[in-house]
Amino acid sequence: MSEQNKIEQIKEDLNEVADEVWEKDVFDVITNQDGKIIAEVFDKDAAQLFAKSNKYITYLLQEIERLQGEVQFWRISAENQQQNNFRFMAEIERKDEALRFYADKENYNHPYVPAVVEDAGKRAREAL
């Protein structure tokens, strides 16, 4: 059974008893609102914990659902960031390629523009 199926099963089981009020009486017996004995315990703290278990489990299930939502949010965020990173890396590669072109002294054998010829790619080499 998957984690999500287990969670759904717990919810279903809780919903069946959600309207029942569980109380601990002085004899360490847990009863529902109809007085039906649900459990007998030897420890008062255990009885109190058992009596509150419905609320605790409900809270924990809500927390699991909240965290599952956060995981999904961060998963989507990570995928989006990865796509952005690929785009930025491609952009950086294009710029590096242009800089390498201007840094290559062989590209200056023909005089095109005097300032570029005079620079001979010095600025581009410094930027790399």
N, C-alpha and C. Protein backbone atom coordinates (compact mmCIF):
# COMPACT_ATOMS: atom_id res chain seq x y z
N MET A 1 0.86 -1.18 0.00
CA MET A 1 0.00 0.00 0.00
C MET A 1 0.90 1.23 0.00
N SER A 2 0.62 2.17 -0.89
CA SER A 2 1.44 3.38 -0.98
C SER A 2 1.19 4.28 0.22
N GLU A 3 2.10 5.25 0.38
CA GLU A 3 1.96 6.20 1.50
C GLU A 3 0.64 6.96 1.41
N GLN A 4 0.31 7.41 0.20
CA GLN A 4 -0.94 8.16 0.04
C GLN A 4 -2.15 7.29 0.34
N ASN A 5 -2.11 6.03 -0.07
CA ASN A 5 -3.22 5.11 0.23
C ASN A 5 -3.35 4.89 1.73
N LYS A 6 -2.21 4.77 2.42
CA LYS A 6 -2.25 4.60 3.87
C LYS A 6 -2.88 5.82 4.53
N ILE A 7 -2.50 6.99 4.06
CA ILE A 7 -3.06 8.22 4.62
C ILE A 7 -4.56 8.27 4.40
N GLU A 8 -5.00 7.93 3.21
CA GLU A 8 -6.43 7.93 2.90
C GLU A 8 -7.17 6.91 3.77
N GLN A 9 -6.56 5.75 4.01
CA GLN A 9 -7.19 4.74 4.86
C GLN A 9 -7.33 5.24 6.30
N ILE A 10 -6.29 5.90 6.80
CA ILE A 10 -6.35 6.46 8.16
C ILE A 10 -7.46 7.50 8.24
N LYS A 11 -7.55 8.36 7.24
CA LYS A 11 -8.61 9.37 7.22
C LYS A 11 -9.99 8.72 7.25
N GLU A 12 -10.15 7.71 6.42
CA GLU A 12 -11.43 7.02 6.36
C GLU A 12 -11.78 6.40 7.71
N ASP A 13 -10.79 5.74 8.33
CA ASP A 13 -11.02 5.14 9.64
C ASP A 13 -11.35 6.19 10.69
N LEU A 14 -10.66 7.33 10.62
CA LEU A 14 -10.93 8.40 11.58
C LEU A 14 -12.32 9.00 11.39
N ASN A 15 -12.72 9.15 10.15
CA ASN A 15 -14.03 9.73 9.88
C ASN A 15 -15.16 8.87 10.46
N GLU A 16 -14.92 7.58 10.52
CA GLU A 16 -15.94 6.68 11.07
C GLU A 16 -16.18 6.93 12.56
N VAL A 17 -15.15 7.41 13.26
CA VAL A 17 -15.29 7.66 14.71
C VAL A 17 -15.16 9.14 15.06
N ALA A 18 -15.09 10.00 14.06
CA ALA A 18 -14.83 11.42 14.30
C ALA A 18 -15.90 12.07 15.17
N ASP A 19 -17.13 11.64 15.07
CA ASP A 19 -18.20 12.26 15.84
C ASP A 19 -18.29 11.73 17.26
N GLU A 20 -17.60 10.66 17.53
CA GLU A 20 -17.63 10.10 18.88
C GLU A 20 -16.75 10.93 19.80
N VAL A 21 -17.20 11.15 21.01
CA VAL A 21 -16.41 11.86 22.00
C VAL A 21 -15.79 10.81 22.91
N TRP A 22 -14.49 10.79 22.96
CA TRP A 22 -13.80 9.83 23.80
C TRP A 22 -13.43 10.51 25.09
N GLU A 23 -13.74 9.87 26.19
CA GLU A 23 -13.40 10.42 27.49
C GLU A 23 -12.76 9.35 28.35
N LYS A 24 -11.89 9.77 29.23
CA LYS A 24 -11.25 8.86 30.17
C LYS A 24 -11.94 9.02 31.51
N ASP A 25 -12.41 7.93 32.06
CA ASP A 25 -13.01 8.05 33.39
C ASP A 25 -11.97 7.69 34.45
N VAL A 26 -12.35 7.78 35.71
CA VAL A 26 -11.40 7.61 36.80
C VAL A 26 -10.85 6.19 36.94
N PHE A 27 -11.45 5.24 36.27
CA PHE A 27 -11.00 3.85 36.40
C PHE A 27 -10.06 3.45 35.27
N ASP A 28 -9.52 4.41 34.56
CA ASP A 28 -8.63 4.15 33.44
C ASP A 28 -9.31 3.32 32.35
N VAL A 29 -10.57 3.63 32.14
CA VAL A 29 -11.33 2.98 31.07
C VAL A 29 -11.72 4.08 30.09
N ILE A 30 -11.45 3.86 28.83
CA ILE A 30 -11.80 4.82 27.79
C ILE A 30 -13.16 4.43 27.24
N THR A 31 -14.06 5.39 27.21
CA THR A 31 -15.40 5.13 26.69
C THR A 31 -15.74 6.16 25.63
N ASN A 32 -16.69 5.79 24.76
CA ASN A 32 -17.19 6.78 23.82
C ASN A 32 -18.37 7.50 24.47
N GLN A 33 -19.04 8.39 23.74
CA GLN A 33 -20.12 9.19 24.33
C GLN A 33 -21.32 8.35 24.75
N ASP A 34 -21.44 7.16 24.18
CA ASP A 34 -22.54 6.26 24.56
C ASP A 34 -22.19 5.41 25.78
N GLY A 35 -21.00 5.59 26.31
CA GLY A 35 -20.58 4.83 27.46
C GLY A 35 -19.97 3.48 27.13
N LYS A 36 -19.84 3.19 25.84
CA LYS A 36 -19.25 1.93 25.42
C LYS A 36 -17.75 1.96 25.71
N ILE A 37 -17.24 0.90 26.32
CA ILE A 37 -15.82 0.83 26.64
C ILE A 37 -15.04 0.61 25.36
N ILE A 38 -14.10 1.50 25.14
CA ILE A 38 -13.25 1.40 23.96
C ILE A 38 -11.94 0.71 24.32
N ALA A 39 -11.41 1.04 25.52
CA ALA A 39 -10.15 0.45 25.95
C ALA A 39 -10.02 0.54 27.46
N GLU A 40 -9.29 -0.38 28.01
CA GLU A 40 -8.94 -0.33 29.42
C GLU A 40 -7.42 -0.22 29.49
N VAL A 41 -6.96 0.69 30.31
CA VAL A 41 -5.52 0.89 30.42
C VAL A 41 -5.13 0.89 31.88
N PHE A 42 -3.86 0.60 32.13
CA PHE A 42 -3.35 0.56 33.48
C PHE A 42 -2.64 1.85 33.86
N ASP A 43 -2.43 2.70 32.91
CA ASP A 43 -1.67 3.93 33.14
C ASP A 43 -2.55 5.12 32.77
N LYS A 44 -2.70 6.05 33.70
CA LYS A 44 -3.57 7.21 33.44
C LYS A 44 -3.05 8.06 32.29
N ASP A 45 -1.74 8.23 32.21
CA ASP A 45 -1.18 9.02 31.10
C ASP A 45 -1.47 8.36 29.76
N ALA A 46 -1.35 7.04 29.72
CA ALA A 46 -1.65 6.32 28.48
C ALA A 46 -3.12 6.48 28.12
N ALA A 47 -3.99 6.46 29.14
CA ALA A 47 -5.42 6.64 28.89
C ALA A 47 -5.70 8.02 28.32
N GLN A 48 -5.04 9.03 28.87
CA GLN A 48 -5.25 10.38 28.37
C GLN A 48 -4.73 10.52 26.94
N LEU A 49 -3.59 9.92 26.69
CA LEU A 49 -3.05 9.95 25.33
C LEU A 49 -4.00 9.26 24.36
N PHE A 50 -4.50 8.11 24.73
CA PHE A 50 -5.44 7.39 23.88
C PHE A 50 -6.69 8.22 23.64
N ALA A 51 -7.15 8.89 24.67
CA ALA A 51 -8.36 9.70 24.54
C ALA A 51 -8.15 10.85 23.57
N LYS A 52 -6.93 11.34 23.48
CA LYS A 52 -6.62 12.47 22.58
C LYS A 52 -6.12 12.02 21.21
N SER A 53 -5.97 10.74 21.02
CA SER A 53 -5.34 10.24 19.80
C SER A 53 -6.08 10.65 18.54
N ASN A 54 -7.39 10.71 18.58
CA ASN A 54 -8.16 11.11 17.40
C ASN A 54 -7.74 12.52 16.95
N LYS A 55 -7.65 13.45 17.90
CA LYS A 55 -7.24 14.82 17.56
C LYS A 55 -5.80 14.85 17.09
N TYR A 56 -4.94 14.08 17.76
CA TYR A 56 -3.54 14.07 17.38
C TYR A 56 -3.34 13.51 15.98
N ILE A 57 -4.01 12.42 15.69
CA ILE A 57 -3.87 11.81 14.37
C ILE A 57 -4.41 12.75 13.29
N THR A 58 -5.53 13.38 13.57
CA THR A 58 -6.09 14.34 12.61
C THR A 58 -5.10 15.46 12.34
N TYR A 59 -4.50 15.99 13.40
CA TYR A 59 -3.50 17.05 13.24
C TYR A 59 -2.32 16.56 12.40
N LEU A 60 -1.82 15.38 12.72
CA LEU A 60 -0.67 14.85 11.99
C LEU A 60 -0.98 14.61 10.52
N LEU A 61 -2.18 14.15 10.22
CA LEU A 61 -2.57 13.98 8.82
C LEU A 61 -2.62 15.32 8.10
N GLN A 62 -3.14 16.34 8.76
CA GLN A 62 -3.17 17.67 8.15
C GLN A 62 -1.75 18.18 7.91
N GLU A 63 -0.86 17.90 8.84
CA GLU A 63 0.53 18.32 8.69
C GLU A 63 1.19 17.58 7.53
N ILE A 64 0.90 16.29 7.38
CA ILE A 64 1.44 15.52 6.25
C ILE A 64 0.96 16.14 4.94
N GLU A 65 -0.32 16.46 4.86
CA GLU A 65 -0.86 17.06 3.63
C GLU A 65 -0.21 18.41 3.35
N ARG A 66 -0.01 19.21 4.40
CA ARG A 66 0.63 20.51 4.22
C ARG A 66 2.05 20.32 3.69
N LEU A 67 2.78 19.39 4.27
CA LEU A 67 4.16 19.15 3.85
C LEU A 67 4.21 18.57 2.44
N GLN A 68 3.25 17.73 2.08
CA GLN A 68 3.20 17.22 0.72
C GLN A 68 3.00 18.37 -0.27
N GLY A 69 2.18 19.34 0.11
CA GLY A 69 2.00 20.51 -0.73
C GLY A 69 3.28 21.30 -0.88
N GLU A 70 4.02 21.44 0.22
CA GLU A 70 5.30 22.15 0.16
C GLU A 70 6.31 21.40 -0.71
N VAL A 71 6.34 20.08 -0.58
CA VAL A 71 7.25 19.29 -1.41
C VAL A 71 6.93 19.51 -2.89
N GLN A 72 5.65 19.49 -3.22
CA GLN A 72 5.24 19.71 -4.61
C GLN A 72 5.65 21.11 -5.08
N PHE A 73 5.44 22.11 -4.22
CA PHE A 73 5.84 23.49 -4.56
C PHE A 73 7.33 23.56 -4.85
N TRP A 74 8.15 22.97 -3.98
CA TRP A 74 9.60 23.04 -4.14
C TRP A 74 10.07 22.20 -5.32
N ARG A 75 9.37 21.11 -5.60
CA ARG A 75 9.72 20.30 -6.77
C ARG A 75 9.51 21.12 -8.05
N ILE A 76 8.38 21.79 -8.14
CA ILE A 76 8.09 22.63 -9.32
C ILE A 76 9.09 23.79 -9.39
N SER A 77 9.38 24.40 -8.24
CA SER A 77 10.35 25.50 -8.21
C SER A 77 11.72 25.04 -8.69
N ALA A 78 12.14 23.87 -8.26
CA ALA A 78 13.44 23.34 -8.67
C ALA A 78 13.48 23.08 -10.17
N GLU A 79 12.39 22.53 -10.70
CA GLU A 79 12.33 22.28 -12.15
C GLU A 79 12.40 23.59 -12.93
N ASN A 80 11.69 24.61 -12.44
CA ASN A 80 11.73 25.91 -13.11
C ASN A 80 13.12 26.51 -13.04
N GLN A 81 13.77 26.39 -11.87
CA GLN A 81 15.11 26.93 -11.73
C GLN A 81 16.09 26.20 -12.63
N GLN A 82 15.92 24.90 -12.77
CA GLN A 82 16.79 24.12 -13.65
C GLN A 82 16.65 24.61 -15.10
N GLN A 83 15.42 24.87 -15.52
CA GLN A 83 15.20 25.39 -16.88
C GLN A 83 15.86 26.75 -17.04
N ASN A 84 15.74 27.60 -16.01
CA ASN A 84 16.38 28.91 -16.05
C ASN A 84 17.90 28.76 -16.14
N ASN A 85 18.44 27.82 -15.37
CA ASN A 85 19.89 27.59 -15.39
C ASN A 85 20.37 27.17 -16.77
N PHE A 86 19.62 26.27 -17.43
CA PHE A 86 20.00 25.86 -18.79
C PHE A 86 19.97 27.05 -19.74
N ARG A 87 18.95 27.89 -19.59
CA ARG A 87 18.85 29.07 -20.46
C ARG A 87 20.02 30.02 -20.21
N PHE A 88 20.35 30.25 -18.94
CA PHE A 88 21.47 31.14 -18.60
C PHE A 88 22.81 30.56 -19.07
N MET A 89 22.98 29.26 -18.93
CA MET A 89 24.22 28.63 -19.38
C MET A 89 24.38 28.76 -20.89
N ALA A 90 23.29 28.61 -21.63
CA ALA A 90 23.34 28.77 -23.08
C ALA A 90 23.69 30.21 -23.44
N GLU A 91 23.13 31.16 -22.71
CA GLU A 91 23.42 32.58 -22.95
C GLU A 91 24.89 32.88 -22.64
N ILE A 92 25.39 32.35 -21.56
CA ILE A 92 26.79 32.56 -21.19
C ILE A 92 27.71 31.94 -22.25
N GLU A 93 27.35 30.76 -22.74
CA GLU A 93 28.15 30.11 -23.77
C GLU A 93 28.21 30.96 -25.04
N ARG A 94 27.06 31.55 -25.42
CA ARG A 94 27.05 32.41 -26.61
C ARG A 94 27.96 33.62 -26.41
N LYS A 95 27.91 34.21 -25.22
CA LYS A 95 28.75 35.37 -24.95
C LYS A 95 30.22 34.98 -24.93
N ASP A 96 30.52 33.84 -24.33
CA ASP A 96 31.90 33.37 -24.31
C ASP A 96 32.41 33.11 -25.73
N GLU A 97 31.55 32.56 -26.56
CA GLU A 97 31.93 32.30 -27.95
C GLU A 97 32.27 33.61 -28.66
N ALA A 98 31.45 34.63 -28.45
CA ALA A 98 31.72 35.93 -29.06
C ALA A 98 33.01 36.51 -28.52
N LEU A 99 33.21 36.40 -27.23
CA LEU A 99 34.45 36.91 -26.65
C LEU A 99 35.67 36.17 -27.19
N ARG A 100 35.54 34.84 -27.35
CA ARG A 100 36.66 34.09 -27.91
C ARG A 100 36.96 34.53 -29.35
N PHE A 101 35.90 34.83 -30.09
CA PHE A 101 36.11 35.31 -31.46
C PHE A 101 36.90 36.61 -31.45
N TYR A 102 36.46 37.54 -30.61
CA TYR A 102 37.14 38.83 -30.58
C TYR A 102 38.52 38.72 -29.92
N ALA A 103 38.71 37.72 -29.11
CA ALA A 103 40.01 37.53 -28.47
C ALA A 103 41.02 36.85 -29.39
N ASP A 104 40.54 36.20 -30.42
CA ASP A 104 41.43 35.47 -31.34
C ASP A 104 42.14 36.46 -32.25
N LYS A 105 43.44 36.53 -32.10
CA LYS A 105 44.24 37.48 -32.90
C LYS A 105 44.16 37.19 -34.39
N GLU A 106 43.89 35.95 -34.76
CA GLU A 106 43.77 35.59 -36.18
C GLU A 106 42.62 36.33 -36.85
N ASN A 107 41.61 36.73 -36.07
CA ASN A 107 40.47 37.45 -36.65
C ASN A 107 40.79 38.90 -36.95
N TYR A 108 42.03 39.31 -36.72
CA TYR A 108 42.39 40.71 -36.93
C TYR A 108 43.45 40.87 -38.03
N ASN A 109 43.57 39.88 -38.88
CA ASN A 109 44.54 39.97 -39.98
C ASN A 109 44.10 40.96 -41.05
N HIS A 110 42.77 41.24 -41.10
CA HIS A 110 42.26 42.19 -42.09
C HIS A 110 41.79 43.42 -41.36
N PRO A 111 42.20 44.59 -41.79
CA PRO A 111 41.80 45.82 -41.08
C PRO A 111 40.35 46.21 -41.40
N TYR A 112 39.43 45.96 -40.43
CA TYR A 112 38.03 46.32 -40.62
C TYR A 112 37.77 47.71 -40.04
N VAL A 113 37.87 47.83 -38.76
CA VAL A 113 37.64 49.09 -38.07
C VAL A 113 38.91 49.37 -37.27
N PRO A 114 39.49 50.53 -37.43
CA PRO A 114 40.79 50.80 -36.79
C PRO A 114 40.82 50.57 -35.28
N ALA A 115 39.76 50.90 -34.54
CA ALA A 115 39.79 50.73 -33.08
C ALA A 115 39.85 49.24 -32.72
N VAL A 116 39.13 48.43 -33.47
CA VAL A 116 39.13 47.00 -33.20
C VAL A 116 40.50 46.41 -33.53
N VAL A 117 41.07 46.84 -34.65
CA VAL A 117 42.38 46.35 -35.04
C VAL A 117 43.42 46.77 -34.00
N GLU A 118 43.35 47.99 -33.54
CA GLU A 118 44.31 48.48 -32.55
C GLU A 118 44.19 47.70 -31.23
N ASP A 119 42.94 47.39 -30.83
CA ASP A 119 42.72 46.64 -29.59
C ASP A 119 43.21 45.21 -29.73
N ALA A 120 43.02 44.61 -30.89
CA ALA A 120 43.43 43.24 -31.20
C ALA A 120 42.90 42.22 -30.21
N GLY A 121 41.71 42.48 -29.68
CA GLY A 121 41.06 41.51 -28.78
C GLY A 121 41.52 41.59 -27.33
N LYS A 122 42.31 42.61 -27.00
CA LYS A 122 42.85 42.72 -25.63
C LYS A 122 41.71 42.75 -24.60
N ARG A 123 40.73 43.57 -24.82
CA ARG A 123 39.60 43.67 -23.86
C ARG A 123 38.85 42.34 -23.74
N ALA A 124 38.64 41.68 -24.86
CA ALA A 124 37.92 40.41 -24.82
C ALA A 124 38.72 39.36 -24.06
N ARG A 125 40.04 39.31 -24.29
CA ARG A 125 40.88 38.34 -23.56
C ARG A 125 40.84 38.63 -22.07
N GLU A 126 40.82 39.90 -21.69
CA GLU A 126 40.75 40.25 -20.27
C GLU A 126 39.39 39.84 -19.67
N ALA A 127 38.32 39.92 -20.47
CA ALA A 127 37.00 39.55 -19.98
C ALA A 127 36.87 38.04 -19.80
N LEU A 128 37.60 37.26 -20.59
CA LEU A 128 37.54 35.80 -20.45
C LEU A 128 38.24 35.40 -19.17
